[in-house]
Amino acid sequence: MISLNANQFPSAERLQKAVWAPVLFRPILGSPEQFVIGIAVAGAGGIHLERANQLARLRCVFADQSVVAILAAEANLNAIESDLLNRSIAALTDFKPLFSGVALGDIREAEGLSLQQIGASWMAAMSSLYDRRSVLQLVERGDFDLDAAANRETADRLPALVLDYIKGKRPGLDRCFSEDIRESRHRRRNAHGVIIDFAGSRFVANFGTLAASKLTASVGRIKMRLWDLKVDRDGEQEGLAEREHEMIVQYPKRNDPQLTANQVERMEEALNELEKQADQEQLRLRPLNTVEEIGEHILRKEAA
């Protein structure tokens, strides 16, 4: 007999409400053939675009022309993501395609543990160009921490530890850390805020800890920090001086005796998925094991 209790299910108060719509890609003009290449989600907690992560499958349909189709799909997704950032829900209700061959499906309402979970769930249900194993399982696993992976920034000690290391090595460089980190303030994310941990003259970075005990929550936080970097980087490209942008991830060594074989495998999967997302956004994800390694890396990047 299966035993269930109410604590196994999230309460309605903890669910995020949002609207979402499928991104429909029609590569051949006049043809009824279409593919779901994304799920656009918007709500009070922000925005999220869950992308097709298996666009290479278009090769089975278009053969030699698949390269053009894949580039067109990616260009359309980039344009929609930018529009979501600028207009939030209005980007769905008043859709203005930048390129031909793309449309939004019906706008619907949904509730979920996070905007990412809503997008991943519907992508898994609607798209043949999506591998749910690489994304959705991370969201569905039981170690999900809503407060950590949604709109609240948890007390990750990594930025403060890196700050302390830098202060001891190069006084004055601590001014490049955000005021929240310097003042040890708890950060609360709003719907449109961008959080940057370190902004130097040559180098910009966010920090995240990939914790085996709270893996899904860690992945959710790191993905949000990648998004912050993308927004900051894209805005900076309009200026004269472009700085390097990196997402620095601290993770335990693979031979750490405190980790089980299953935890190591799951962390490898999570790290690979994060690297793929960083590559999609043309950002660098740099996994390092210790605070000292992170600190020395920053010092090299900011060396005069």
C-alpha atoms as a PDB file:
ATOM      1  CA  MET A   1       0.000   0.000   0.000  1.00  0.00           C
ATOM      2  CA  ILE A   2       1.322   3.435  -0.953  1.00  0.00           C
ATOM      3  CA  SER A   3       1.447   5.952   1.869  1.00  0.00           C
ATOM      4  CA  LEU A   4       1.030   9.603   0.959  1.00  0.00           C
ATOM      5  CA  ASN A   5       0.964  12.716   3.076  1.00  0.00           C
ATOM      6  CA  ALA A   6       0.356  16.365   2.339  1.00  0.00           C
ATOM      7  CA  ASN A   7       3.993  17.317   2.906  1.00  0.00           C
ATOM      8  CA  GLN A   8       4.968  15.475  -0.283  1.00  0.00           C
ATOM      9  CA  PHE A   9       3.093  18.004  -2.384  1.00  0.00           C
ATOM     10  CA  PRO A  10       3.849  21.729  -2.765  1.00  0.00           C
ATOM     11  CA  SER A  11       1.204  23.989  -1.294  1.00  0.00           C
ATOM     12  CA  ALA A  12      -0.680  26.310  -3.605  1.00  0.00           C
ATOM     13  CA  GLU A  13       0.947  29.286  -1.907  1.00  0.00           C
ATOM     14  CA  ARG A  14       4.395  28.106  -3.028  1.00  0.00           C
ATOM     15  CA  LEU A  15       3.528  27.679  -6.696  1.00  0.00           C
ATOM     16  CA  GLN A  16       4.385  30.369  -9.222  1.00  0.00           C
ATOM     17  CA  LYS A  17       1.661  31.513 -11.587  1.00  0.00           C
ATOM     18  CA  ALA A  18       2.622  32.384 -15.144  1.00  0.00           C
ATOM     19  CA  VAL A  19       1.451  32.528 -18.726  1.00  0.00           C
ATOM     20  CA  TRP A  20       3.213  30.568 -21.447  1.00  0.00           C
ATOM     21  CA  ALA A  21       3.082  29.967 -25.175  1.00  0.00           C
ATOM     22  CA  PRO A  22       4.846  27.545 -27.527  1.00  0.00           C
ATOM     23  CA  VAL A  23       7.261  28.987 -30.090  1.00  0.00           C
ATOM     24  CA  LEU A  24       6.306  27.514 -33.469  1.00  0.00           C
ATOM     25  CA  PHE A  25       8.960  27.289 -36.180  1.00  0.00           C
ATOM     26  CA  ARG A  26       7.807  27.018 -39.814  1.00  0.00           C
ATOM     27  CA  PRO A  27      10.967  26.762 -41.923  1.00  0.00           C
ATOM     28  CA  ILE A  28       9.245  26.210 -45.279  1.00  0.00           C
ATOM     29  CA  LEU A  29       7.060  29.096 -46.427  1.00  0.00           C
ATOM     30  CA  GLY A  30       3.546  27.926 -47.226  1.00  0.00           C
ATOM     31  CA  SER A  31       4.047  24.484 -45.708  1.00  0.00           C
ATOM     32  CA  PRO A  32       1.852  23.361 -42.788  1.00  0.00           C
ATOM     33  CA  GLU A  33       4.871  21.648 -41.238  1.00  0.00           C
ATOM     34  CA  GLN A  34       5.955  23.224 -37.966  1.00  0.00           C
ATOM     35  CA  PHE A  35       8.131  22.440 -34.962  1.00  0.00           C
ATOM     36  CA  VAL A  36       7.947  23.544 -31.339  1.00  0.00           C
ATOM     37  CA  ILE A  37      11.385  25.051 -30.680  1.00  0.00           C
ATOM     38  CA  GLY A  38      10.684  26.762 -27.379  1.00  0.00           C
ATOM     39  CA  ILE A  39       8.281  27.563 -24.570  1.00  0.00           C
ATOM     40  CA  ALA A  40       8.130  31.237 -23.593  1.00  0.00           C
ATOM     41  CA  VAL A  41       7.068  31.792 -19.973  1.00  0.00           C
ATOM     42  CA  ALA A  42       6.359  35.081 -18.199  1.00  0.00           C
ATOM     43  CA  GLY A  43       5.006  35.933 -14.782  1.00  0.00           C
ATOM     44  CA  ALA A  44       5.522  38.040 -11.689  1.00  0.00           C
ATOM     45  CA  GLY A  45       8.713  36.102 -10.968  1.00  0.00           C
ATOM     46  CA  GLY A  46      10.344  37.102 -14.249  1.00  0.00           C
ATOM     47  CA  ILE A  47      10.655  35.447 -17.644  1.00  0.00           C
ATOM     48  CA  HIS A  48      12.075  32.204 -18.998  1.00  0.00           C
ATOM     49  CA  LEU A  49      12.554  30.762 -22.477  1.00  0.00           C
ATOM     50  CA  GLU A  50      12.976  27.003 -22.498  1.00  0.00           C
ATOM     51  CA  ARG A  51      14.774  26.202 -25.743  1.00  0.00           C
ATOM     52  CA  ALA A  52      14.806  23.091 -27.892  1.00  0.00           C
ATOM     53  CA  ASN A  53      18.048  21.348 -26.978  1.00  0.00           C
ATOM     54  CA  GLN A  54      18.018  18.844 -29.849  1.00  0.00           C
ATOM     55  CA  LEU A  55      17.851  21.074 -32.927  1.00  0.00           C
ATOM     56  CA  ALA A  56      20.330  18.696 -34.566  1.00  0.00           C
ATOM     57  CA  ARG A  57      17.374  16.361 -35.156  1.00  0.00           C
ATOM     58  CA  LEU A  58      16.315  18.725 -37.940  1.00  0.00           C
ATOM     59  CA  ARG A  59      19.031  17.046 -40.013  1.00  0.00           C
ATOM     60  CA  CYS A  60      16.744  14.046 -40.339  1.00  0.00           C
ATOM     61  CA  VAL A  61      14.138  16.269 -42.007  1.00  0.00           C
ATOM     62  CA  PHE A  62      16.143  18.800 -44.012  1.00  0.00           C
ATOM     63  CA  ALA A  63      19.409  16.946 -44.692  1.00  0.00           C
ATOM     64  CA  ASP A  64      21.823  19.382 -46.388  1.00  0.00           C
ATOM     65  CA  GLN A  65      19.553  22.340 -45.637  1.00  0.00           C
ATOM     66  CA  SER A  66      19.488  21.604 -41.918  1.00  0.00           C
ATOM     67  CA  VAL A  67      22.304  24.067 -41.138  1.00  0.00           C
ATOM     68  CA  VAL A  68      20.213  26.956 -42.448  1.00  0.00           C
ATOM     69  CA  ALA A  69      17.136  25.724 -40.569  1.00  0.00           C
ATOM     70  CA  ILE A  70      19.045  25.400 -37.282  1.00  0.00           C
ATOM     71  CA  LEU A  71      20.581  28.868 -37.628  1.00  0.00           C
ATOM     72  CA  ALA A  72      17.140  30.327 -38.364  1.00  0.00           C
ATOM     73  CA  ALA A  73      15.638  28.592 -35.330  1.00  0.00           C
ATOM     74  CA  GLU A  74      18.397  29.883 -33.048  1.00  0.00           C
ATOM     75  CA  ALA A  75      18.107  33.424 -34.427  1.00  0.00           C
ATOM     76  CA  ASN A  76      14.359  33.419 -33.775  1.00  0.00           C
ATOM     77  CA  LEU A  77      14.829  32.126 -30.229  1.00  0.00           C
ATOM     78  CA  ASN A  78      17.435  34.794 -29.507  1.00  0.00           C
ATOM     79  CA  ALA A  79      15.080  37.507 -30.779  1.00  0.00           C
ATOM     80  CA  ILE A  80      12.178  36.214 -28.673  1.00  0.00           C
ATOM     81  CA  GLU A  81      14.372  35.982 -25.577  1.00  0.00           C
ATOM     82  CA  SER A  82      15.491  39.575 -26.042  1.00  0.00           C
ATOM     83  CA  ASP A  83      11.890  40.707 -26.483  1.00  0.00           C
ATOM     84  CA  LEU A  84      10.838  38.837 -23.338  1.00  0.00           C
ATOM     85  CA  LEU A  85      13.565  40.612 -21.418  1.00  0.00           C
ATOM     86  CA  ASN A  86      12.428  44.016 -22.654  1.00  0.00           C
ATOM     87  CA  ARG A  87       8.640  43.602 -22.545  1.00  0.00           C
ATOM     88  CA  SER A  88       7.938  40.597 -20.309  1.00  0.00           C
ATOM     89  CA  ILE A  89       4.320  39.404 -20.681  1.00  0.00           C
ATOM     90  CA  ALA A  90       3.652  41.955 -23.444  1.00  0.00           C
ATOM     91  CA  ALA A  91       6.114  40.027 -25.612  1.00  0.00           C
ATOM     92  CA  LEU A  92       3.571  37.196 -25.594  1.00  0.00           C
ATOM     93  CA  THR A  93       0.286  39.096 -25.715  1.00  0.00           C
ATOM     94  CA  ASP A  94       1.572  41.487 -28.407  1.00  0.00           C
ATOM     95  CA  PHE A  95       3.970  39.226 -30.298  1.00  0.00           C
ATOM     96  CA  LYS A  96       6.133  41.024 -32.854  1.00  0.00           C
ATOM     97  CA  PRO A  97       8.287  38.530 -34.780  1.00  0.00           C
ATOM     98  CA  LEU A  98      11.633  39.884 -35.887  1.00  0.00           C
ATOM     99  CA  PHE A  99      12.020  37.204 -38.571  1.00  0.00           C
ATOM    100  CA  SER A 100       9.607  35.278 -40.763  1.00  0.00           C
ATOM    101  CA  GLY A 101       8.904  31.612 -40.176  1.00  0.00           C
ATOM    102  CA  VAL A 102       8.079  31.845 -36.488  1.00  0.00           C
ATOM    103  CA  ALA A 103       4.833  32.280 -34.559  1.00  0.00           C
ATOM    104  CA  LEU A 104       3.499  31.857 -31.046  1.00  0.00           C
ATOM    105  CA  GLY A 105       0.828  29.320 -30.235  1.00  0.00           C
ATOM    106  CA  ASP A 106      -2.072  29.932 -27.888  1.00  0.00           C
ATOM    107  CA  ILE A 107      -1.231  31.697 -24.636  1.00  0.00           C
ATOM    108  CA  ARG A 108      -2.166  29.636 -21.600  1.00  0.00           C
ATOM    109  CA  GLU A 109      -1.941  29.892 -17.834  1.00  0.00           C
ATOM    110  CA  ALA A 110       0.053  27.543 -15.646  1.00  0.00           C
ATOM    111  CA  GLU A 111       1.377  27.042 -12.139  1.00  0.00           C
ATOM    112  CA  GLY A 112       4.646  25.409 -11.210  1.00  0.00           C
ATOM    113  CA  LEU A 113       7.540  25.293  -8.783  1.00  0.00           C
ATOM    114  CA  SER A 114       9.463  27.645 -11.066  1.00  0.00           C
ATOM    115  CA  LEU A 115       9.198  29.262 -14.482  1.00  0.00           C
ATOM    116  CA  GLN A 116      11.864  26.845 -15.698  1.00  0.00           C
ATOM    117  CA  GLN A 117       9.827  23.869 -14.543  1.00  0.00           C
ATOM    118  CA  ILE A 118       6.757  25.132 -16.384  1.00  0.00           C
ATOM    119  CA  GLY A 119       8.760  25.593 -19.577  1.00  0.00           C
ATOM    120  CA  ALA A 120      10.578  22.263 -19.295  1.00  0.00           C
ATOM    121  CA  SER A 121       7.370  20.345 -18.592  1.00  0.00           C
ATOM    122  CA  TRP A 122       5.567  21.701 -21.637  1.00  0.00           C
ATOM    123  CA  MET A 123       8.603  21.358 -23.900  1.00  0.00           C
ATOM    124  CA  ALA A 124       8.846  17.698 -22.918  1.00  0.00           C
ATOM    125  CA  ALA A 125       5.156  17.241 -23.758  1.00  0.00           C
ATOM    126  CA  MET A 126       5.059  19.188 -27.043  1.00  0.00           C
ATOM    127  CA  SER A 127       8.435  19.118 -28.785  1.00  0.00           C
ATOM    128  CA  SER A 128      10.248  16.394 -30.704  1.00  0.00           C
ATOM    129  CA  LEU A 129      13.364  18.585 -30.606  1.00  0.00           C
ATOM    130  CA  TYR A 130      13.830  18.348 -26.845  1.00  0.00           C
ATOM    131  CA  ASP A 131      15.527  15.864 -24.555  1.00  0.00           C
ATOM    132  CA  ARG A 132      13.691  15.891 -21.251  1.00  0.00           C
ATOM    133  CA  ARG A 133      16.308  13.710 -19.564  1.00  0.00           C
ATOM    134  CA  SER A 134      18.945  16.435 -19.609  1.00  0.00           C
ATOM    135  CA  VAL A 135      16.745  19.158 -18.143  1.00  0.00           C
ATOM    136  CA  LEU A 136      13.410  18.082 -16.730  1.00  0.00           C
ATOM    137  CA  GLN A 137      14.768  15.380 -14.433  1.00  0.00           C
ATOM    138  CA  LEU A 138      16.824  18.023 -12.638  1.00  0.00           C
ATOM    139  CA  VAL A 139      13.613  19.938 -11.966  1.00  0.00           C
ATOM    140  CA  GLU A 140      11.506  16.924 -11.000  1.00  0.00           C
ATOM    141  CA  ARG A 141      13.915  15.320  -8.515  1.00  0.00           C
ATOM    142  CA  GLY A 142      12.945  15.426  -4.872  1.00  0.00           C
ATOM    143  CA  ASP A 143      15.707  17.729  -3.662  1.00  0.00           C
ATOM    144  CA  PHE A 144      14.085  20.775  -5.245  1.00  0.00           C
ATOM    145  CA  ASP A 145      14.224  23.847  -3.015  1.00  0.00           C
ATOM    146  CA  LEU A 146      11.675  26.400  -4.173  1.00  0.00           C
ATOM    147  CA  ASP A 147      13.052  29.386  -2.296  1.00  0.00           C
ATOM    148  CA  ALA A 148      16.540  28.714  -3.622  1.00  0.00           C
ATOM    149  CA  ALA A 149      15.667  28.085  -7.248  1.00  0.00           C
ATOM    150  CA  ALA A 150      12.932  30.625  -7.790  1.00  0.00           C
ATOM    151  CA  ASN A 151      13.047  34.334  -7.100  1.00  0.00           C
ATOM    152  CA  ARG A 152      14.923  34.364  -3.803  1.00  0.00           C
ATOM    153  CA  GLU A 153      18.717  34.469  -3.611  1.00  0.00           C
ATOM    154  CA  THR A 154      19.900  32.127  -0.890  1.00  0.00           C
ATOM    155  CA  ALA A 155      22.842  32.674   1.399  1.00  0.00           C
ATOM    156  CA  ASP A 156      25.554  31.132  -0.788  1.00  0.00           C
ATOM    157  CA  ARG A 157      28.787  31.776   1.123  1.00  0.00           C
ATOM    158  CA  LEU A 158      30.988  31.490  -1.965  1.00  0.00           C
ATOM    159  CA  PRO A 159      30.960  35.197  -3.007  1.00  0.00           C
ATOM    160  CA  ALA A 160      31.877  36.322   0.524  1.00  0.00           C
ATOM    161  CA  LEU A 161      34.690  33.772   0.753  1.00  0.00           C
ATOM    162  CA  VAL A 162      36.091  34.883  -2.594  1.00  0.00           C
ATOM    163  CA  LEU A 163      35.865  38.512  -1.450  1.00  0.00           C
ATOM    164  CA  ASP A 164      37.863  37.722   1.702  1.00  0.00           C
ATOM    165  CA  TYR A 165      40.537  35.967  -0.349  1.00  0.00           C
ATOM    166  CA  ILE A 166      40.841  38.860  -2.814  1.00  0.00           C
ATOM    167  CA  LYS A 167      41.057  41.446  -0.005  1.00  0.00           C
ATOM    168  CA  GLY A 168      43.994  39.584   1.461  1.00  0.00           C
ATOM    169  CA  LYS A 169      45.815  39.409  -1.862  1.00  0.00           C
ATOM    170  CA  ARG A 170      45.040  42.720  -3.533  1.00  0.00           C
ATOM    171  CA  PRO A 171      43.516  45.435  -1.334  1.00  0.00           C
ATOM    172  CA  GLY A 172      41.299  47.781  -3.295  1.00  0.00           C
ATOM    173  CA  LEU A 173      40.016  45.166  -5.711  1.00  0.00           C
ATOM    174  CA  ASP A 174      37.243  44.404  -3.234  1.00  0.00           C
ATOM    175  CA  ARG A 175      35.471  47.517  -4.563  1.00  0.00           C
ATOM    176  CA  CYS A 176      34.677  45.496  -7.687  1.00  0.00           C
ATOM    177  CA  PHE A 177      32.397  43.199  -5.689  1.00  0.00           C
ATOM    178  CA  SER A 178      28.741  44.133  -5.407  1.00  0.00           C
ATOM    179  CA  GLU A 179      27.695  46.222  -2.433  1.00  0.00           C
ATOM    180  CA  ASP A 180      25.467  43.391  -1.210  1.00  0.00           C
ATOM    181  CA  ILE A 181      28.475  41.081  -0.972  1.00  0.00           C
ATOM    182  CA  ARG A 182      30.700  43.705   0.655  1.00  0.00           C
ATOM    183  CA  GLU A 183      28.030  44.567   3.222  1.00  0.00           C
ATOM    184  CA  SER A 184      26.981  40.919   3.758  1.00  0.00           C
ATOM    185  CA  ARG A 185      23.402  41.788   2.863  1.00  0.00           C
ATOM    186  CA  HIS A 186      20.840  39.163   1.907  1.00  0.00           C
ATOM    187  CA  ARG A 187      19.790  39.670  -1.688  1.00  0.00           C
ATOM    188  CA  ARG A 188      16.225  39.479  -2.906  1.00  0.00           C
ATOM    189  CA  ARG A 189      15.641  39.271  -6.634  1.00  0.00           C
ATOM    190  CA  ASN A 190      12.849  41.269  -8.228  1.00  0.00           C
ATOM    191  CA  ALA A 191      11.156  40.502 -11.512  1.00  0.00           C
ATOM    192  CA  HIS A 192      13.567  42.430 -13.716  1.00  0.00           C
ATOM    193  CA  GLY A 193      16.665  42.926 -11.567  1.00  0.00           C
ATOM    194  CA  VAL A 194      20.104  41.882 -12.769  1.00  0.00           C
ATOM    195  CA  ILE A 195      22.616  40.745 -10.148  1.00  0.00           C
ATOM    196  CA  ILE A 196      26.354  40.896 -10.851  1.00  0.00           C
ATOM    197  CA  ASP A 197      28.789  39.684  -8.188  1.00  0.00           C
ATOM    198  CA  PHE A 198      32.085  41.026  -9.547  1.00  0.00           C
ATOM    199  CA  ALA A 199      32.552  43.817 -12.102  1.00  0.00           C
ATOM    200  CA  GLY A 200      36.191  44.726 -12.708  1.00  0.00           C
ATOM    201  CA  SER A 201      37.831  46.822 -15.387  1.00  0.00           C
ATOM    202  CA  ARG A 202      38.543  43.802 -17.600  1.00  0.00           C
ATOM    203  CA  PHE A 203      36.426  41.022 -16.169  1.00  0.00           C
ATOM    204  CA  VAL A 204      32.838  40.415 -14.998  1.00  0.00           C
ATOM    205  CA  ALA A 205      31.787  37.315 -13.081  1.00  0.00           C
ATOM    206  CA  ASN A 206      28.997  35.716 -11.139  1.00  0.00           C
ATOM    207  CA  PHE A 207      29.617  32.942  -8.627  1.00  0.00           C
ATOM    208  CA  GLY A 208      27.639  29.813  -7.876  1.00  0.00           C
ATOM    209  CA  THR A 209      28.100  26.675  -5.805  1.00  0.00           C
ATOM    210  CA  LEU A 210      27.071  23.320  -7.260  1.00  0.00           C
ATOM    211  CA  ALA A 211      26.061  21.484  -4.099  1.00  0.00           C
ATOM    212  CA  ALA A 212      25.496  17.733  -4.211  1.00  0.00           C
ATOM    213  CA  SER A 213      22.942  17.853  -1.389  1.00  0.00           C
ATOM    214  CA  LYS A 214      20.783  20.490  -3.112  1.00  0.00           C
ATOM    215  CA  LEU A 215      21.640  19.873  -6.736  1.00  0.00           C
ATOM    216  CA  THR A 216      18.456  21.030  -8.433  1.00  0.00           C
ATOM    217  CA  ALA A 217      18.307  24.221  -6.391  1.00  0.00           C
ATOM    218  CA  SER A 218      21.964  24.891  -7.226  1.00  0.00           C
ATOM    219  CA  VAL A 219      21.341  24.417 -10.939  1.00  0.00           C
ATOM    220  CA  GLY A 220      18.361  26.769 -10.790  1.00  0.00           C
ATOM    221  CA  ARG A 221      20.415  29.494  -9.118  1.00  0.00           C
ATOM    222  CA  ILE A 222      23.316  29.109 -11.530  1.00  0.00           C
ATOM    223  CA  LYS A 223      21.009  29.333 -14.546  1.00  0.00           C
ATOM    224  CA  MET A 224      19.580  32.586 -13.205  1.00  0.00           C
ATOM    225  CA  ARG A 225      23.095  33.935 -12.681  1.00  0.00           C
ATOM    226  CA  LEU A 226      23.971  32.965 -16.274  1.00  0.00           C
ATOM    227  CA  TRP A 227      20.951  34.966 -17.389  1.00  0.00           C
ATOM    228  CA  ASP A 228      22.156  37.972 -15.382  1.00  0.00           C
ATOM    229  CA  LEU A 229      25.543  37.748 -17.103  1.00  0.00           C
ATOM    230  CA  LYS A 230      23.939  37.529 -20.528  1.00  0.00           C
ATOM    231  CA  VAL A 231      21.847  40.639 -19.892  1.00  0.00           C
ATOM    232  CA  ASP A 232      24.862  42.569 -18.600  1.00  0.00           C
ATOM    233  CA  ARG A 233      27.065  41.397 -21.486  1.00  0.00           C
ATOM    234  CA  ASP A 234      24.479  42.234 -24.157  1.00  0.00           C
ATOM    235  CA  GLY A 235      24.007  45.722 -22.728  1.00  0.00           C
ATOM    236  CA  GLU A 236      27.740  46.258 -22.618  1.00  0.00           C
ATOM    237  CA  GLN A 237      28.223  45.392 -26.283  1.00  0.00           C
ATOM    238  CA  GLU A 238      26.736  48.749 -27.156  1.00  0.00           C
ATOM    239  CA  GLY A 239      29.576  50.514 -25.343  1.00  0.00           C
ATOM    240  CA  LEU A 240      33.207  51.023 -26.279  1.00  0.00           C
ATOM    241  CA  ALA A 241      34.957  48.589 -23.940  1.00  0.00           C
ATOM    242  CA  GLU A 242      33.730  45.003 -23.815  1.00  0.00           C
ATOM    243  CA  ARG A 243      34.785  42.933 -20.805  1.00  0.00           C
ATOM    244  CA  GLU A 244      34.969  39.162 -20.464  1.00  0.00           C
ATOM    245  CA  HIS A 245      31.939  37.644 -18.746  1.00  0.00           C
ATOM    246  CA  GLU A 246      32.199  34.327 -16.907  1.00  0.00           C
ATOM    247  CA  MET A 247      30.022  32.179 -14.690  1.00  0.00           C
ATOM    248  CA  ILE A 248      32.360  30.694 -12.071  1.00  0.00           C
ATOM    249  CA  VAL A 249      31.031  27.499 -10.501  1.00  0.00           C
ATOM    250  CA  GLN A 250      32.589  25.965  -7.414  1.00  0.00           C
ATOM    251  CA  TYR A 251      32.044  22.223  -7.227  1.00  0.00           C
ATOM    252  CA  PRO A 252      33.597  19.400  -5.168  1.00  0.00           C
ATOM    253  CA  LYS A 253      36.330  17.231  -6.611  1.00  0.00           C
ATOM    254  CA  ARG A 254      35.133  14.039  -8.246  1.00  0.00           C
ATOM    255  CA  ASN A 255      37.151  11.923  -5.808  1.00  0.00           C
ATOM    256  CA  ASP A 256      35.682  13.623  -2.745  1.00  0.00           C
ATOM    257  CA  PRO A 257      35.035  10.732  -0.305  1.00  0.00           C
ATOM    258  CA  GLN A 258      31.890  12.451   0.978  1.00  0.00           C
ATOM    259  CA  LEU A 259      30.192  12.011  -2.407  1.00  0.00           C
ATOM    260  CA  THR A 260      28.480   8.825  -3.483  1.00  0.00           C
ATOM    261  CA  ALA A 261      28.913   7.455  -7.000  1.00  0.00           C
ATOM    262  CA  ASN A 262      25.335   8.491  -7.769  1.00  0.00           C
ATOM    263  CA  GLN A 263      25.963  12.053  -6.594  1.00  0.00           C
ATOM    264  CA  VAL A 264      29.085  12.299  -8.744  1.00  0.00           C
ATOM    265  CA  GLU A 265      27.140  11.098 -11.790  1.00  0.00           C
ATOM    266  CA  ARG A 266      24.320  13.561 -11.194  1.00  0.00           C
ATOM    267  CA  MET A 267      26.750  16.437 -10.702  1.00  0.00           C
ATOM    268  CA  GLU A 268      28.481  15.557 -13.977  1.00  0.00           C
ATOM    269  CA  GLU A 269      25.116  15.624 -15.755  1.00  0.00           C
ATOM    270  CA  ALA A 270      24.238  18.964 -14.189  1.00  0.00           C
ATOM    271  CA  LEU A 271      27.612  20.493 -15.049  1.00  0.00           C
ATOM    272  CA  ASN A 272      27.353  19.311 -18.659  1.00  0.00           C
ATOM    273  CA  GLU A 273      23.883  20.827 -18.966  1.00  0.00           C
ATOM    274  CA  LEU A 274      25.051  24.136 -17.514  1.00  0.00           C
ATOM    275  CA  GLU A 275      27.987  24.227 -19.928  1.00  0.00           C
ATOM    276  CA  LYS A 276      25.614  23.638 -22.849  1.00  0.00           C
ATOM    277  CA  GLN A 277      23.407  26.521 -21.742  1.00  0.00           C
ATOM    278  CA  ALA A 278      26.434  28.781 -21.323  1.00  0.00           C
ATOM    279  CA  ASP A 279      27.600  27.846 -24.824  1.00  0.00           C
ATOM    280  CA  GLN A 280      24.154  28.713 -26.190  1.00  0.00           C
ATOM    281  CA  GLU A 281      24.452  32.173 -24.691  1.00  0.00           C
ATOM    282  CA  GLN A 282      28.100  32.513 -25.822  1.00  0.00           C
ATOM    283  CA  LEU A 283      29.250  32.768 -22.220  1.00  0.00           C
ATOM    284  CA  ARG A 284      32.069  30.970 -20.435  1.00  0.00           C
ATOM    285  CA  LEU A 285      31.191  28.611 -17.604  1.00  0.00           C
ATOM    286  CA  ARG A 286      34.338  27.984 -15.550  1.00  0.00           C
ATOM    287  CA  PRO A 287      34.153  25.136 -13.013  1.00  0.00           C
ATOM    288  CA  LEU A 288      36.751  25.353 -10.235  1.00  0.00           C
ATOM    289  CA  ASN A 289      37.165  23.372  -7.034  1.00  0.00           C
ATOM    290  CA  THR A 290      38.343  25.826  -4.374  1.00  0.00           C
ATOM    291  CA  VAL A 291      38.020  29.426  -3.246  1.00  0.00           C
ATOM    292  CA  GLU A 292      41.767  29.822  -3.748  1.00  0.00           C
ATOM    293  CA  GLU A 293      41.528  28.728  -7.400  1.00  0.00           C
ATOM    294  CA  ILE A 294      38.673  31.158  -7.980  1.00  0.00           C
ATOM    295  CA  GLY A 295      40.514  34.017  -6.299  1.00  0.00           C
ATOM    296  CA  GLU A 296      43.726  33.449  -8.253  1.00  0.00           C
ATOM    297  CA  HIS A 297      41.763  33.263 -11.496  1.00  0.00           C
ATOM    298  CA  ILE A 298      40.167  36.653 -10.808  1.00  0.00           C
ATOM    299  CA  LEU A 299      43.537  38.166  -9.915  1.00  0.00           C
ATOM    300  CA  ARG A 300      45.013  36.968 -13.214  1.00  0.00           C
ATOM    301  CA  LYS A 301      42.079  38.342 -15.192  1.00  0.00           C
ATOM    302  CA  GLU A 302      42.325  41.733 -13.505  1.00  0.00           C
ATOM    303  CA  ALA A 303      46.128  41.902 -13.564  1.00  0.00           C
ATOM    304  CA  ALA A 304      47.408  45.306 -14.623  1.00  0.00           C
END
